[in-house]
N, C-alpha and C. Protein backbone atom coordinates (compact mmCIF):
# COMPACT_ATOMS: atom_id res chain seq x y z
N MET A 1 8.51 17.46 13.49
CA MET A 1 7.12 17.88 13.60
C MET A 1 7.08 19.29 13.17
N THR A 2 6.03 19.65 12.33
CA THR A 2 5.91 20.99 11.81
C THR A 2 5.12 21.84 12.82
N GLN A 3 5.55 23.10 13.03
CA GLN A 3 4.87 23.96 13.97
C GLN A 3 3.80 24.82 13.22
N ALA A 4 2.63 24.92 13.93
CA ALA A 4 1.57 25.75 13.35
C ALA A 4 1.80 27.25 13.66
N THR A 5 1.46 28.06 12.67
CA THR A 5 1.51 29.55 12.94
C THR A 5 0.17 29.96 13.56
N ASP A 6 0.12 31.16 14.04
CA ASP A 6 -1.15 31.76 14.69
C ASP A 6 -2.24 31.71 13.65
N VAL A 7 -1.94 32.05 12.47
CA VAL A 7 -2.98 32.13 11.39
C VAL A 7 -3.49 30.65 11.06
N GLU A 8 -2.67 29.74 11.07
CA GLU A 8 -3.06 28.32 10.86
C GLU A 8 -3.94 27.85 11.93
N ARG A 9 -3.46 28.17 13.22
CA ARG A 9 -4.29 27.74 14.39
C ARG A 9 -5.66 28.37 14.36
N ALA A 10 -5.68 29.69 14.01
CA ALA A 10 -7.01 30.37 14.03
C ALA A 10 -7.92 29.86 12.89
N ALA A 11 -7.27 29.33 11.87
CA ALA A 11 -8.13 28.79 10.74
C ALA A 11 -8.53 27.32 11.01
N GLY A 12 -7.90 26.79 12.11
CA GLY A 12 -8.23 25.34 12.42
C GLY A 12 -7.38 24.39 11.56
N THR A 13 -6.28 24.84 11.04
CA THR A 13 -5.47 23.99 10.24
C THR A 13 -4.10 23.71 10.98
N ARG A 14 -3.44 22.77 10.57
CA ARG A 14 -2.12 22.52 11.03
C ARG A 14 -1.18 22.11 9.91
N PRO A 15 0.05 22.60 9.89
CA PRO A 15 0.89 22.24 8.81
C PRO A 15 1.57 20.93 9.06
N ILE A 16 1.66 20.16 7.92
CA ILE A 16 2.36 18.87 8.02
C ILE A 16 3.35 18.86 6.88
N ALA A 17 4.36 18.00 7.04
CA ALA A 17 5.33 17.67 6.03
C ALA A 17 5.48 16.18 6.02
N VAL A 18 5.08 15.52 4.88
CA VAL A 18 5.04 14.14 4.76
C VAL A 18 5.77 13.83 3.51
N THR A 19 6.66 12.82 3.49
CA THR A 19 7.28 12.26 2.32
C THR A 19 6.35 11.18 1.76
N VAL A 20 5.80 11.44 0.63
CA VAL A 20 4.88 10.59 -0.09
C VAL A 20 5.51 10.06 -1.33
N ASN A 21 5.69 8.78 -1.45
CA ASN A 21 6.27 8.17 -2.58
C ASN A 21 7.57 8.77 -3.01
N GLY A 22 8.36 9.12 -1.98
CA GLY A 22 9.71 9.69 -2.22
C GLY A 22 9.75 11.28 -2.36
N GLU A 23 8.54 11.91 -2.38
CA GLU A 23 8.51 13.34 -2.53
C GLU A 23 7.98 14.03 -1.30
N ARG A 24 8.70 15.00 -0.83
CA ARG A 24 8.27 15.72 0.37
C ARG A 24 7.06 16.55 0.02
N ARG A 25 6.03 16.46 0.74
CA ARG A 25 4.72 17.20 0.50
C ARG A 25 4.45 18.02 1.79
N GLU A 26 4.19 19.28 1.59
CA GLU A 26 3.78 20.14 2.76
C GLU A 26 2.36 20.71 2.49
N SER A 27 1.56 20.68 3.51
CA SER A 27 0.20 21.09 3.47
C SER A 27 -0.16 21.61 4.76
N ALA A 28 -1.23 22.52 4.78
CA ALA A 28 -1.96 22.93 6.00
C ALA A 28 -3.28 22.29 5.97
N ILE A 29 -3.50 21.44 6.88
CA ILE A 29 -4.75 20.64 6.87
C ILE A 29 -5.56 20.72 8.25
N GLU A 30 -6.79 20.31 8.12
CA GLU A 30 -7.55 20.22 9.48
C GLU A 30 -6.99 18.99 10.13
N PRO A 31 -6.90 19.07 11.44
CA PRO A 31 -6.35 17.94 12.27
C PRO A 31 -7.12 16.70 12.16
N ARG A 32 -8.50 16.86 11.81
CA ARG A 32 -9.33 15.60 11.79
C ARG A 32 -9.25 14.96 10.37
N LEU A 33 -8.53 15.46 9.44
CA LEU A 33 -8.46 14.86 8.05
C LEU A 33 -7.80 13.49 8.07
N LEU A 34 -8.49 12.53 7.64
CA LEU A 34 -7.92 11.13 7.58
C LEU A 34 -6.87 11.04 6.50
N LEU A 35 -5.90 10.25 6.75
CA LEU A 35 -4.83 10.04 5.87
C LEU A 35 -5.32 9.69 4.38
N VAL A 36 -6.30 8.70 4.36
CA VAL A 36 -6.82 8.30 3.12
C VAL A 36 -7.40 9.57 2.31
N HIS A 37 -8.02 10.40 2.99
CA HIS A 37 -8.63 11.56 2.30
C HIS A 37 -7.55 12.64 1.89
N TYR A 38 -6.49 12.73 2.72
CA TYR A 38 -5.40 13.62 2.44
C TYR A 38 -4.76 13.09 1.12
N LEU A 39 -4.54 11.76 1.04
CA LEU A 39 -3.87 11.26 -0.14
C LEU A 39 -4.73 11.36 -1.39
N ARG A 40 -6.00 11.05 -1.25
CA ARG A 40 -6.93 11.09 -2.43
C ARG A 40 -7.32 12.45 -2.88
N GLU A 41 -7.75 13.31 -1.84
CA GLU A 41 -8.30 14.59 -2.18
C GLU A 41 -7.27 15.73 -2.25
N THR A 42 -6.37 15.73 -1.34
CA THR A 42 -5.39 16.84 -1.32
C THR A 42 -4.27 16.58 -2.24
N LEU A 43 -3.78 15.30 -2.29
CA LEU A 43 -2.66 15.00 -3.16
C LEU A 43 -3.07 14.40 -4.54
N GLY A 44 -4.29 13.97 -4.65
CA GLY A 44 -4.76 13.37 -5.90
C GLY A 44 -4.21 12.00 -6.22
N LEU A 45 -3.83 11.28 -5.12
CA LEU A 45 -3.39 9.86 -5.33
C LEU A 45 -4.48 8.97 -5.02
N THR A 46 -5.28 8.62 -6.06
CA THR A 46 -6.56 7.86 -5.89
C THR A 46 -6.32 6.36 -5.87
N GLY A 47 -5.13 5.85 -5.87
CA GLY A 47 -4.94 4.45 -5.80
C GLY A 47 -5.29 3.84 -4.47
N THR A 48 -5.24 4.67 -3.43
CA THR A 48 -5.63 4.25 -2.11
C THR A 48 -7.17 4.45 -2.11
N HIS A 49 -7.78 3.20 -1.83
CA HIS A 49 -9.31 3.23 -1.92
C HIS A 49 -9.92 3.39 -0.53
N VAL A 50 -11.17 3.90 -0.60
CA VAL A 50 -12.03 3.88 0.69
C VAL A 50 -13.03 2.77 0.56
N GLY A 51 -12.94 1.90 1.51
CA GLY A 51 -13.92 0.76 1.40
C GLY A 51 -14.87 0.85 2.60
N CYS A 52 -14.48 0.41 3.78
CA CYS A 52 -15.35 0.28 4.85
C CYS A 52 -15.35 1.40 5.87
N ASP A 53 -14.25 2.15 5.93
CA ASP A 53 -14.05 3.21 6.94
C ASP A 53 -13.97 2.76 8.33
N THR A 54 -13.69 1.39 8.48
CA THR A 54 -13.51 0.85 9.90
C THR A 54 -12.34 0.00 10.01
N THR A 55 -11.40 -0.04 9.10
CA THR A 55 -10.20 -0.90 9.12
C THR A 55 -10.46 -2.33 8.79
N SER A 56 -11.65 -2.68 8.42
CA SER A 56 -12.04 -4.11 8.20
C SER A 56 -11.58 -4.63 6.86
N CYS A 57 -11.56 -3.84 5.83
CA CYS A 57 -11.39 -4.41 4.51
C CYS A 57 -9.98 -4.25 3.95
N GLY A 58 -9.21 -3.32 4.35
CA GLY A 58 -7.80 -3.18 3.89
C GLY A 58 -7.63 -2.49 2.53
N ALA A 59 -8.67 -1.97 1.95
CA ALA A 59 -8.61 -1.31 0.64
C ALA A 59 -7.77 0.01 0.78
N CYS A 60 -7.74 0.55 2.00
CA CYS A 60 -7.10 1.84 2.19
C CYS A 60 -5.60 1.63 2.68
N THR A 61 -5.05 0.38 2.64
CA THR A 61 -3.76 0.17 3.24
C THR A 61 -2.73 0.90 2.45
N VAL A 62 -1.85 1.59 3.20
CA VAL A 62 -0.60 2.21 2.67
C VAL A 62 0.53 1.86 3.56
N LEU A 63 1.78 2.08 3.13
CA LEU A 63 2.93 1.82 4.06
C LEU A 63 3.28 3.12 4.70
N LEU A 64 3.47 3.12 6.05
CA LEU A 64 3.93 4.26 6.84
C LEU A 64 5.25 3.84 7.39
N ASP A 65 6.32 4.39 6.86
CA ASP A 65 7.72 4.07 7.23
C ASP A 65 7.92 2.55 7.01
N GLY A 66 7.24 1.96 5.95
CA GLY A 66 7.40 0.68 5.53
C GLY A 66 6.54 -0.43 6.26
N THR A 67 5.64 0.14 7.11
CA THR A 67 4.71 -0.75 7.77
C THR A 67 3.30 -0.54 7.36
N PRO A 68 2.57 -1.61 6.93
CA PRO A 68 1.20 -1.42 6.51
C PRO A 68 0.30 -0.88 7.54
N ILE A 69 -0.50 0.17 7.19
CA ILE A 69 -1.51 0.75 8.11
C ILE A 69 -2.76 0.97 7.24
N LYS A 70 -3.90 1.00 8.04
CA LYS A 70 -5.18 1.30 7.36
C LYS A 70 -5.38 2.78 7.49
N SER A 71 -5.30 3.45 6.38
CA SER A 71 -5.31 4.93 6.30
C SER A 71 -6.71 5.54 6.52
N CYS A 72 -7.72 4.66 6.62
CA CYS A 72 -9.12 5.21 6.79
C CYS A 72 -9.39 5.55 8.28
N THR A 73 -8.52 5.17 9.16
CA THR A 73 -8.76 5.54 10.57
C THR A 73 -7.43 6.16 11.16
N PHE A 74 -6.62 6.62 10.33
CA PHE A 74 -5.32 7.23 10.70
C PHE A 74 -5.30 8.71 10.30
N PHE A 75 -5.17 9.61 11.25
CA PHE A 75 -5.17 11.00 10.89
C PHE A 75 -3.94 11.44 10.09
N ALA A 76 -4.09 12.21 9.08
CA ALA A 76 -2.97 12.67 8.28
C ALA A 76 -1.92 13.42 9.13
N VAL A 77 -2.34 14.17 10.17
CA VAL A 77 -1.28 14.82 11.01
C VAL A 77 -0.41 13.85 11.80
N GLN A 78 -0.88 12.64 11.97
CA GLN A 78 -0.06 11.59 12.61
C GLN A 78 1.10 11.20 11.68
N ALA A 79 0.97 11.40 10.41
CA ALA A 79 2.05 11.08 9.51
C ALA A 79 3.07 12.14 9.25
N ASP A 80 2.90 13.23 10.03
CA ASP A 80 3.84 14.35 9.89
C ASP A 80 5.28 13.88 10.17
N GLY A 81 6.18 14.20 9.37
CA GLY A 81 7.53 13.84 9.48
C GLY A 81 7.90 12.43 9.10
N GLN A 82 6.89 11.69 8.58
CA GLN A 82 7.09 10.30 8.26
C GLN A 82 7.01 10.06 6.69
N GLU A 83 7.27 8.80 6.26
CA GLU A 83 7.21 8.50 4.92
C GLU A 83 6.01 7.48 4.62
N VAL A 84 5.26 7.97 3.62
CA VAL A 84 4.08 7.17 3.22
C VAL A 84 4.34 6.67 1.79
N THR A 85 4.01 5.37 1.58
CA THR A 85 4.14 4.81 0.23
C THR A 85 2.68 4.29 -0.14
N THR A 86 2.25 4.75 -1.31
CA THR A 86 0.99 4.33 -1.87
C THR A 86 1.27 3.41 -3.06
N VAL A 87 0.25 2.84 -3.62
CA VAL A 87 0.42 1.94 -4.78
C VAL A 87 1.16 2.77 -5.94
N GLU A 88 0.90 4.01 -6.08
CA GLU A 88 1.48 4.81 -7.14
C GLU A 88 3.01 4.90 -6.92
N GLY A 89 3.51 4.73 -5.72
CA GLY A 89 4.95 4.74 -5.42
C GLY A 89 5.68 3.51 -5.71
N LEU A 90 4.95 2.42 -6.04
CA LEU A 90 5.63 1.19 -6.29
C LEU A 90 6.35 1.14 -7.63
N VAL A 91 5.75 1.77 -8.67
CA VAL A 91 6.26 1.82 -10.01
C VAL A 91 7.51 2.68 -10.02
N GLN A 92 8.63 2.38 -10.68
CA GLN A 92 9.81 3.15 -10.82
C GLN A 92 9.97 3.50 -12.30
N GLY A 93 9.62 4.75 -12.62
CA GLY A 93 9.67 5.16 -14.01
C GLY A 93 8.60 4.29 -14.80
N ALA A 94 9.14 3.60 -15.78
CA ALA A 94 8.16 2.76 -16.60
C ALA A 94 8.25 1.34 -16.14
N GLN A 95 9.04 1.02 -15.05
CA GLN A 95 9.25 -0.32 -14.64
C GLN A 95 8.23 -0.60 -13.43
N LEU A 96 7.36 -1.67 -13.63
CA LEU A 96 6.55 -2.09 -12.59
C LEU A 96 7.35 -2.72 -11.52
N HIS A 97 6.83 -2.65 -10.24
CA HIS A 97 7.38 -3.26 -9.11
C HIS A 97 7.07 -4.81 -9.38
N PRO A 98 7.91 -5.67 -8.90
CA PRO A 98 7.67 -7.14 -9.04
C PRO A 98 6.24 -7.55 -8.54
N ILE A 99 5.76 -6.94 -7.52
CA ILE A 99 4.48 -7.31 -6.96
C ILE A 99 3.38 -6.94 -7.95
N GLN A 100 3.57 -5.85 -8.67
CA GLN A 100 2.57 -5.46 -9.76
C GLN A 100 2.70 -6.44 -10.86
N GLU A 101 3.93 -6.76 -11.25
CA GLU A 101 4.09 -7.76 -12.30
C GLU A 101 3.53 -9.10 -11.91
N GLY A 102 3.69 -9.52 -10.63
CA GLY A 102 3.11 -10.77 -10.16
C GLY A 102 1.64 -10.88 -10.19
N PHE A 103 0.95 -9.73 -9.84
CA PHE A 103 -0.47 -9.69 -9.95
C PHE A 103 -0.97 -9.80 -11.38
N SER A 104 -0.21 -9.28 -12.28
CA SER A 104 -0.56 -9.43 -13.66
C SER A 104 -0.28 -10.83 -14.22
N GLU A 105 0.90 -11.33 -13.99
CA GLU A 105 1.32 -12.68 -14.42
C GLU A 105 0.44 -13.79 -13.92
N GLU A 106 0.06 -13.72 -12.60
CA GLU A 106 -0.62 -14.73 -11.94
C GLU A 106 -2.08 -14.43 -11.75
N HIS A 107 -2.61 -13.43 -12.46
CA HIS A 107 -4.01 -13.13 -12.44
C HIS A 107 -4.62 -12.90 -11.02
N GLY A 108 -3.82 -12.08 -10.26
CA GLY A 108 -4.19 -11.89 -8.87
C GLY A 108 -5.22 -10.89 -8.58
N LEU A 109 -5.85 -10.31 -9.65
CA LEU A 109 -6.85 -9.34 -9.46
C LEU A 109 -8.01 -9.53 -10.40
N GLN A 110 -9.24 -9.07 -9.93
CA GLN A 110 -10.32 -9.10 -10.86
C GLN A 110 -10.86 -7.69 -10.95
N CYS A 111 -11.58 -7.19 -10.00
CA CYS A 111 -12.17 -5.86 -10.17
C CYS A 111 -11.04 -4.81 -9.81
N GLY A 112 -10.07 -5.20 -9.03
CA GLY A 112 -9.01 -4.29 -8.63
C GLY A 112 -9.20 -3.41 -7.50
N PHE A 113 -10.34 -3.42 -6.81
CA PHE A 113 -10.57 -2.49 -5.75
C PHE A 113 -9.63 -2.77 -4.59
N CYS A 114 -9.47 -4.08 -4.21
CA CYS A 114 -8.62 -4.46 -3.11
C CYS A 114 -7.09 -4.55 -3.43
N THR A 115 -6.81 -4.54 -4.70
CA THR A 115 -5.45 -4.72 -5.17
C THR A 115 -4.40 -3.80 -4.57
N PRO A 116 -4.55 -2.49 -4.54
CA PRO A 116 -3.58 -1.64 -3.98
C PRO A 116 -3.16 -1.99 -2.50
N GLY A 117 -4.16 -2.27 -1.65
CA GLY A 117 -3.87 -2.67 -0.32
C GLY A 117 -3.21 -4.01 -0.24
N MET A 118 -3.65 -4.93 -1.07
CA MET A 118 -3.01 -6.29 -1.09
C MET A 118 -1.59 -6.14 -1.47
N MET A 119 -1.31 -5.36 -2.54
CA MET A 119 0.04 -5.22 -3.02
C MET A 119 0.99 -4.61 -1.93
N LEU A 120 0.52 -3.59 -1.31
CA LEU A 120 1.44 -2.88 -0.33
C LEU A 120 1.66 -3.76 0.94
N THR A 121 0.60 -4.49 1.32
CA THR A 121 0.79 -5.45 2.38
C THR A 121 1.85 -6.57 2.03
N ALA A 122 1.68 -6.99 0.76
CA ALA A 122 2.65 -8.08 0.23
C ALA A 122 4.09 -7.48 0.22
N VAL A 123 4.22 -6.25 -0.21
CA VAL A 123 5.57 -5.69 -0.29
C VAL A 123 6.19 -5.65 1.06
N ALA A 124 5.44 -5.27 2.14
CA ALA A 124 5.99 -5.25 3.42
C ALA A 124 6.36 -6.63 3.91
N LEU A 125 5.43 -7.64 3.58
CA LEU A 125 5.79 -9.00 3.99
C LEU A 125 7.08 -9.48 3.35
N ILE A 126 7.21 -9.30 2.01
CA ILE A 126 8.40 -9.75 1.36
C ILE A 126 9.66 -9.03 1.83
N GLY A 127 9.45 -7.74 2.25
CA GLY A 127 10.61 -7.07 2.80
C GLY A 127 11.12 -7.73 4.12
N GLU A 128 10.19 -8.28 4.89
CA GLU A 128 10.48 -8.95 6.12
C GLU A 128 10.89 -10.31 5.92
N LYS A 129 10.14 -11.02 5.02
CA LYS A 129 10.44 -12.48 4.75
C LYS A 129 10.57 -12.67 3.32
N PRO A 130 11.77 -12.69 2.78
CA PRO A 130 11.95 -12.78 1.29
C PRO A 130 11.46 -14.07 0.73
N ASP A 131 11.24 -15.07 1.51
CA ASP A 131 10.74 -16.38 1.00
C ASP A 131 9.46 -16.87 1.88
N PRO A 132 8.42 -16.07 1.81
CA PRO A 132 7.32 -16.42 2.68
C PRO A 132 6.62 -17.68 2.32
N THR A 133 6.11 -18.43 3.20
CA THR A 133 5.33 -19.57 3.02
C THR A 133 3.95 -19.18 2.59
N GLU A 134 3.18 -20.11 2.09
CA GLU A 134 1.79 -19.80 1.70
C GLU A 134 1.03 -19.39 2.99
N GLU A 135 1.31 -20.12 4.07
CA GLU A 135 0.67 -19.71 5.37
C GLU A 135 0.95 -18.29 5.86
N GLU A 136 2.27 -17.92 5.69
CA GLU A 136 2.65 -16.53 6.06
C GLU A 136 2.01 -15.53 5.14
N ILE A 137 1.91 -15.84 3.82
CA ILE A 137 1.28 -14.91 2.93
C ILE A 137 -0.19 -14.68 3.33
N ARG A 138 -0.93 -15.83 3.56
CA ARG A 138 -2.32 -15.79 3.89
C ARG A 138 -2.48 -15.07 5.16
N TRP A 139 -1.65 -15.24 6.15
CA TRP A 139 -1.77 -14.54 7.44
C TRP A 139 -1.51 -13.11 7.21
N ALA A 140 -0.50 -12.66 6.49
CA ALA A 140 -0.19 -11.23 6.22
C ALA A 140 -1.40 -10.60 5.54
N LEU A 141 -1.99 -11.25 4.63
CA LEU A 141 -3.12 -10.66 3.87
C LEU A 141 -4.46 -10.78 4.56
N SER A 142 -4.44 -11.43 5.73
CA SER A 142 -5.75 -11.62 6.40
C SER A 142 -6.54 -10.39 6.68
N GLY A 143 -5.91 -9.28 6.77
CA GLY A 143 -6.61 -8.03 7.08
C GLY A 143 -7.07 -7.25 5.75
N ASN A 144 -6.90 -7.93 4.66
CA ASN A 144 -7.29 -7.33 3.39
C ASN A 144 -8.32 -8.30 2.70
N LEU A 145 -9.53 -7.75 2.50
CA LEU A 145 -10.59 -8.61 1.92
C LEU A 145 -10.77 -8.37 0.46
N CYS A 146 -11.07 -9.51 -0.20
CA CYS A 146 -11.32 -9.49 -1.60
C CYS A 146 -12.69 -10.19 -1.83
N ARG A 147 -13.60 -9.55 -2.49
CA ARG A 147 -14.89 -10.11 -2.72
C ARG A 147 -14.96 -10.85 -4.08
N CYS A 148 -13.95 -10.78 -4.85
CA CYS A 148 -13.99 -11.31 -6.26
C CYS A 148 -13.29 -12.64 -6.35
N THR A 149 -12.09 -12.82 -5.74
CA THR A 149 -11.25 -13.96 -5.92
C THR A 149 -11.36 -14.91 -4.78
N GLY A 150 -10.79 -16.14 -4.89
CA GLY A 150 -10.67 -17.03 -3.85
C GLY A 150 -9.28 -17.00 -3.22
N TYR A 151 -8.58 -16.01 -3.43
CA TYR A 151 -7.30 -15.68 -2.85
C TYR A 151 -6.12 -16.50 -3.47
N GLN A 152 -6.38 -17.57 -4.08
CA GLN A 152 -5.35 -18.50 -4.53
C GLN A 152 -4.45 -17.74 -5.53
N ASN A 153 -5.05 -17.00 -6.45
CA ASN A 153 -4.14 -16.28 -7.38
C ASN A 153 -3.40 -15.15 -6.70
N ILE A 154 -4.00 -14.60 -5.71
CA ILE A 154 -3.32 -13.52 -4.97
C ILE A 154 -2.13 -14.07 -4.23
N VAL A 155 -2.23 -15.26 -3.65
CA VAL A 155 -1.06 -15.94 -2.96
C VAL A 155 -0.03 -16.24 -4.05
N ARG A 156 -0.43 -16.76 -5.18
CA ARG A 156 0.54 -17.05 -6.34
C ARG A 156 1.19 -15.78 -6.74
N SER A 157 0.52 -14.69 -6.83
CA SER A 157 1.10 -13.43 -7.20
C SER A 157 2.20 -12.96 -6.22
N VAL A 158 1.97 -13.14 -5.02
CA VAL A 158 2.96 -12.78 -4.00
C VAL A 158 4.11 -13.73 -4.01
N GLN A 159 3.96 -14.97 -4.27
CA GLN A 159 5.02 -15.90 -4.36
C GLN A 159 5.76 -15.61 -5.66
N TRP A 160 5.14 -15.27 -6.72
CA TRP A 160 5.89 -14.83 -7.96
C TRP A 160 6.83 -13.70 -7.69
N ALA A 161 6.28 -12.63 -7.08
CA ALA A 161 7.06 -11.52 -6.79
C ALA A 161 8.22 -11.77 -5.83
N ALA A 162 7.95 -12.56 -4.81
CA ALA A 162 9.04 -12.95 -3.83
C ALA A 162 10.15 -13.66 -4.62
N ARG A 163 9.81 -14.61 -5.47
CA ARG A 163 10.83 -15.28 -6.24
C ARG A 163 11.67 -14.34 -7.09
N LYS A 164 10.96 -13.47 -7.77
CA LYS A 164 11.63 -12.45 -8.65
C LYS A 164 12.58 -11.59 -7.87
N LEU A 165 12.13 -11.11 -6.69
CA LEU A 165 12.95 -10.24 -5.89
C LEU A 165 14.15 -11.06 -5.22
N ARG A 166 13.91 -12.24 -4.86
CA ARG A 166 14.88 -13.09 -4.24
C ARG A 166 15.96 -13.50 -5.24
N ASP A 167 15.51 -13.91 -6.38
CA ASP A 167 16.45 -14.48 -7.46
C ASP A 167 17.00 -13.38 -8.35
N GLY A 168 16.50 -12.19 -8.24
CA GLY A 168 16.95 -11.09 -9.11
C GLY A 168 16.62 -11.40 -10.52
N ASP A 169 15.57 -12.13 -10.79
CA ASP A 169 15.09 -12.53 -12.12
C ASP A 169 14.65 -11.29 -12.89
N THR A 170 15.30 -10.90 -13.96
CA THR A 170 14.83 -9.79 -14.74
C THR A 170 14.07 -10.29 -15.92
N ALA A 171 14.04 -11.50 -16.31
CA ALA A 171 13.30 -12.04 -17.42
C ALA A 171 11.87 -12.47 -17.00
N GLY A 172 11.62 -12.42 -15.73
CA GLY A 172 10.30 -12.94 -15.25
C GLY A 172 10.56 -14.07 -14.23
N ALA A 173 9.68 -14.19 -13.29
CA ALA A 173 9.92 -15.10 -12.21
C ALA A 173 9.46 -16.52 -12.57
N SER A 174 9.28 -16.83 -13.75
CA SER A 174 8.75 -18.12 -14.26
C SER A 174 7.52 -18.49 -13.55
N SER A 175 6.75 -19.16 -14.34
CA SER A 175 5.34 -19.54 -13.82
C SER A 175 5.43 -20.28 -12.52
N SER A 176 4.34 -20.19 -11.84
CA SER A 176 4.29 -20.94 -10.48
C SER A 176 4.37 -22.45 -10.69
N GLY A 177 4.21 -22.85 -11.93
CA GLY A 177 4.37 -24.25 -12.22
C GLY A 177 3.46 -25.08 -11.41
N GLY A 178 4.02 -26.11 -10.72
CA GLY A 178 3.28 -27.05 -9.99
C GLY A 178 2.92 -26.58 -8.58
N GLU A 179 3.31 -25.43 -8.16
CA GLU A 179 3.09 -24.99 -6.79
C GLU A 179 1.62 -24.76 -6.61
N ALA A 180 1.06 -25.29 -5.64
CA ALA A 180 -0.35 -25.12 -5.34
C ALA A 180 -0.57 -23.99 -4.33
N ALA A 181 -1.57 -23.25 -4.50
CA ALA A 181 -1.85 -22.19 -3.51
C ALA A 181 -3.17 -22.43 -2.88
């Protein structure tokens, strides 16, 4: 935990040090600043979206030490000393993460507003369950709302990514074929 100086306390700010997408970031912020606004406005990481401001939609989902959280009701100071992963942190150099590839291959997005939260929730699920069932995928994603799709292609996208990660397939996880979602 980072200690505030007298000047910072007088200014109403508090220093935090958060590792965001593998990079340590230090800032003096107001204690009431929400994590979603810290990421978007202070750090310029706009992949995390603001939807409902009530944790209902999941557009603001990020990973905090690998666990999905809704950043619209989580204070940035609570993340002090922890690791945050946003959708920008999934890509490694020029290589998309398998979940990003899966959403492209299986047409898991339309407008894209919910996609970052869906992807991060799916990454956490696959990390816990490398071969999730359709029911497990749907349950994991139940806190993330999509107004454009019927979720079937989102489920297929997660299945595609899980197969690729599980099988180590570098040429593509092959089409979902006859698997129904």
